[in-house]
Amino acid sequence: MLTLYDCNGAPSPRRAKIFLEEKGLKYKSIQIDIRSGEQMSEAYRKINPRCTVPALITEDGDTLTENAEIS
């Protein structure tokens, strides 16, 4: 299953969610609190060294960090 690292209310993750939902793809959403700086944590850096949200982990284990890659 796809895993989307998301932040409700942020525009970039919203675009990624819209794309996934329009395509009818099932995904698990994990919330990242960018207000508290969670995207800068060491744990999230292991997922996305660029420290940006969204990040999408594919079923193959690849990590996509740009909306252009996700769509």
N, C-alpha and C. Protein backbone atom coordinates (compact mmCIF):
# COMPACT_ATOMS: atom_id res chain seq x y z
N MET A 1 0.85 -1.19 0.00
CA MET A 1 0.00 0.00 0.00
C MET A 1 0.88 1.24 0.00
N LEU A 2 0.41 2.27 -0.65
CA LEU A 2 1.11 3.55 -0.68
C LEU A 2 1.02 4.21 0.70
N THR A 3 2.06 4.94 1.06
CA THR A 3 2.06 5.70 2.30
C THR A 3 2.35 7.15 1.98
N LEU A 4 1.44 8.03 2.36
CA LEU A 4 1.59 9.46 2.12
C LEU A 4 1.88 10.16 3.44
N TYR A 5 3.03 10.83 3.51
CA TYR A 5 3.34 11.68 4.65
C TYR A 5 2.74 13.04 4.32
N ASP A 6 1.83 13.49 5.16
CA ASP A 6 0.87 14.52 4.84
C ASP A 6 0.83 15.55 5.95
N CYS A 7 0.30 16.72 5.64
CA CYS A 7 0.02 17.74 6.65
C CYS A 7 -1.30 18.40 6.26
N ASN A 8 -2.34 18.12 7.02
CA ASN A 8 -3.66 18.71 6.73
C ASN A 8 -3.55 20.23 6.70
N GLY A 9 -4.13 20.81 5.68
CA GLY A 9 -4.14 22.26 5.57
C GLY A 9 -3.02 22.83 4.73
N ALA A 10 -1.97 22.07 4.49
CA ALA A 10 -0.86 22.55 3.66
C ALA A 10 -1.19 22.29 2.19
N PRO A 11 -0.88 23.24 1.30
CA PRO A 11 -1.31 23.10 -0.09
C PRO A 11 -0.62 21.98 -0.88
N SER A 12 0.65 21.76 -0.71
CA SER A 12 1.34 20.73 -1.49
C SER A 12 0.82 19.32 -1.18
N PRO A 13 0.70 18.94 0.08
CA PRO A 13 0.13 17.62 0.36
C PRO A 13 -1.31 17.49 -0.13
N ARG A 14 -2.05 18.58 -0.09
CA ARG A 14 -3.44 18.54 -0.57
C ARG A 14 -3.47 18.15 -2.05
N ARG A 15 -2.56 18.71 -2.85
CA ARG A 15 -2.50 18.36 -4.28
C ARG A 15 -2.19 16.88 -4.46
N ALA A 16 -1.27 16.36 -3.67
CA ALA A 16 -0.93 14.94 -3.76
C ALA A 16 -2.13 14.07 -3.40
N LYS A 17 -2.86 14.44 -2.35
CA LYS A 17 -4.05 13.67 -1.96
C LYS A 17 -5.11 13.71 -3.05
N ILE A 18 -5.32 14.86 -3.65
CA ILE A 18 -6.31 14.98 -4.72
C ILE A 18 -5.95 14.04 -5.86
N PHE A 19 -4.68 14.03 -6.26
CA PHE A 19 -4.26 13.14 -7.33
C PHE A 19 -4.52 11.68 -6.97
N LEU A 20 -4.11 11.27 -5.79
CA LEU A 20 -4.28 9.87 -5.38
C LEU A 20 -5.76 9.49 -5.36
N GLU A 21 -6.59 10.38 -4.84
CA GLU A 21 -8.02 10.10 -4.75
C GLU A 21 -8.69 10.09 -6.13
N GLU A 22 -8.28 11.00 -7.01
CA GLU A 22 -8.84 11.01 -8.36
C GLU A 22 -8.51 9.72 -9.11
N LYS A 23 -7.33 9.17 -8.85
CA LYS A 23 -6.92 7.93 -9.49
C LYS A 23 -7.50 6.69 -8.80
N GLY A 24 -8.16 6.90 -7.66
CA GLY A 24 -8.75 5.79 -6.93
C GLY A 24 -7.72 4.91 -6.24
N LEU A 25 -6.55 5.47 -5.96
CA LEU A 25 -5.49 4.71 -5.30
C LEU A 25 -5.69 4.71 -3.80
N LYS A 26 -5.51 3.56 -3.19
CA LYS A 26 -5.61 3.45 -1.73
C LYS A 26 -4.25 3.80 -1.14
N TYR A 27 -4.30 4.55 -0.05
CA TYR A 27 -3.06 4.95 0.61
C TYR A 27 -3.30 5.13 2.09
N LYS A 28 -2.22 5.01 2.83
CA LYS A 28 -2.25 5.29 4.26
C LYS A 28 -1.65 6.69 4.44
N SER A 29 -2.32 7.51 5.24
CA SER A 29 -1.85 8.87 5.48
C SER A 29 -1.23 8.97 6.87
N ILE A 30 -0.02 9.51 6.91
CA ILE A 30 0.65 9.76 8.19
C ILE A 30 0.85 11.27 8.30
N GLN A 31 0.31 11.85 9.34
CA GLN A 31 0.36 13.30 9.53
C GLN A 31 1.72 13.74 10.07
N ILE A 32 2.24 14.79 9.46
CA ILE A 32 3.48 15.44 9.90
C ILE A 32 3.10 16.85 10.35
N ASP A 33 3.45 17.19 11.57
CA ASP A 33 3.10 18.51 12.12
C ASP A 33 4.20 19.50 11.76
N ILE A 34 3.98 20.24 10.67
CA ILE A 34 5.02 21.18 10.24
C ILE A 34 5.09 22.41 11.14
N ARG A 35 4.01 22.69 11.87
CA ARG A 35 4.04 23.84 12.79
C ARG A 35 5.03 23.62 13.93
N SER A 36 5.18 22.36 14.33
CA SER A 36 6.13 22.06 15.42
C SER A 36 7.50 21.69 14.87
N GLY A 37 7.64 21.66 13.53
CA GLY A 37 8.93 21.34 12.93
C GLY A 37 9.21 19.84 12.82
N GLU A 38 8.16 19.03 12.89
CA GLU A 38 8.34 17.57 12.83
C GLU A 38 9.05 17.13 11.55
N GLN A 39 8.88 17.88 10.46
CA GLN A 39 9.53 17.52 9.20
C GLN A 39 11.05 17.66 9.27
N MET A 40 11.55 18.34 10.29
CA MET A 40 12.99 18.50 10.47
C MET A 40 13.59 17.44 11.39
N SER A 41 12.75 16.57 11.93
CA SER A 41 13.23 15.56 12.87
C SER A 41 14.11 14.54 12.17
N GLU A 42 14.97 13.90 12.93
CA GLU A 42 15.85 12.87 12.39
C GLU A 42 15.04 11.72 11.79
N ALA A 43 13.95 11.35 12.43
CA ALA A 43 13.12 10.25 11.92
C ALA A 43 12.56 10.59 10.54
N TYR A 44 12.08 11.82 10.36
CA TYR A 44 11.52 12.19 9.06
C TYR A 44 12.62 12.40 8.02
N ARG A 45 13.80 12.86 8.45
CA ARG A 45 14.92 13.02 7.51
C ARG A 45 15.31 11.69 6.87
N LYS A 46 15.10 10.60 7.60
CA LYS A 46 15.39 9.27 7.04
C LYS A 46 14.41 8.94 5.91
N ILE A 47 13.20 9.47 6.00
CA ILE A 47 12.19 9.25 4.97
C ILE A 47 12.43 10.22 3.81
N ASN A 48 12.64 11.49 4.14
CA ASN A 48 12.82 12.53 3.13
C ASN A 48 13.92 13.49 3.58
N PRO A 49 15.13 13.29 3.10
CA PRO A 49 16.25 14.15 3.51
C PRO A 49 16.04 15.63 3.19
N ARG A 50 15.15 15.94 2.25
CA ARG A 50 14.86 17.34 1.92
C ARG A 50 13.95 18.00 2.95
N CYS A 51 13.36 17.20 3.84
CA CYS A 51 12.51 17.71 4.92
C CYS A 51 11.28 18.45 4.41
N THR A 52 10.72 18.00 3.30
CA THR A 52 9.52 18.62 2.76
C THR A 52 8.34 17.65 2.86
N VAL A 53 7.16 18.22 2.82
CA VAL A 53 5.93 17.44 2.85
C VAL A 53 5.15 17.86 1.60
N PRO A 54 4.63 16.96 0.80
CA PRO A 54 4.43 15.55 1.06
C PRO A 54 5.63 14.69 0.69
N ALA A 55 5.57 13.47 1.15
CA ALA A 55 6.46 12.40 0.70
C ALA A 55 5.58 11.18 0.51
N LEU A 56 5.77 10.50 -0.60
CA LEU A 56 4.97 9.31 -0.89
C LEU A 56 5.91 8.13 -1.02
N ILE A 57 5.64 7.09 -0.22
CA ILE A 57 6.39 5.84 -0.32
C ILE A 57 5.56 4.90 -1.19
N THR A 58 6.16 4.45 -2.28
CA THR A 58 5.44 3.57 -3.20
C THR A 58 5.46 2.14 -2.69
N GLU A 59 4.69 1.29 -3.35
CA GLU A 59 4.66 -0.12 -2.99
C GLU A 59 6.01 -0.79 -3.23
N ASP A 60 6.83 -0.21 -4.11
CA ASP A 60 8.16 -0.74 -4.38
C ASP A 60 9.20 -0.21 -3.40
N GLY A 61 8.78 0.72 -2.51
CA GLY A 61 9.70 1.27 -1.53
C GLY A 61 10.40 2.54 -1.98
N ASP A 62 10.06 3.05 -3.17
CA ASP A 62 10.63 4.31 -3.63
C ASP A 62 9.97 5.46 -2.89
N THR A 63 10.71 6.56 -2.70
CA THR A 63 10.18 7.74 -2.05
C THR A 63 10.08 8.87 -3.07
N LEU A 64 8.88 9.40 -3.23
CA LEU A 64 8.63 10.53 -4.12
C LEU A 64 8.37 11.76 -3.24
N THR A 65 9.05 12.86 -3.54
CA THR A 65 8.95 14.03 -2.66
C THR A 65 8.44 15.29 -3.35
N GLU A 66 8.13 15.19 -4.63
CA GLU A 66 7.63 16.33 -5.39
C GLU A 66 6.26 15.97 -5.96
N ASN A 67 5.35 16.93 -5.98
CA ASN A 67 4.04 16.67 -6.57
C ASN A 67 4.15 16.25 -8.03
N ALA A 68 5.13 16.79 -8.76
CA ALA A 68 5.30 16.40 -10.16
C ALA A 68 5.65 14.91 -10.26
N GLU A 69 6.42 14.39 -9.31
CA GLU A 69 6.75 12.96 -9.29
C GLU A 69 5.53 12.13 -8.91
N ILE A 70 4.78 12.63 -7.97
CA ILE A 70 3.62 11.89 -7.45
C ILE A 70 2.53 11.80 -8.50
N SER A 71 2.33 12.87 -9.24
CA SER A 71 1.27 12.85 -10.26
C SER A 71 1.78 12.26 -11.50
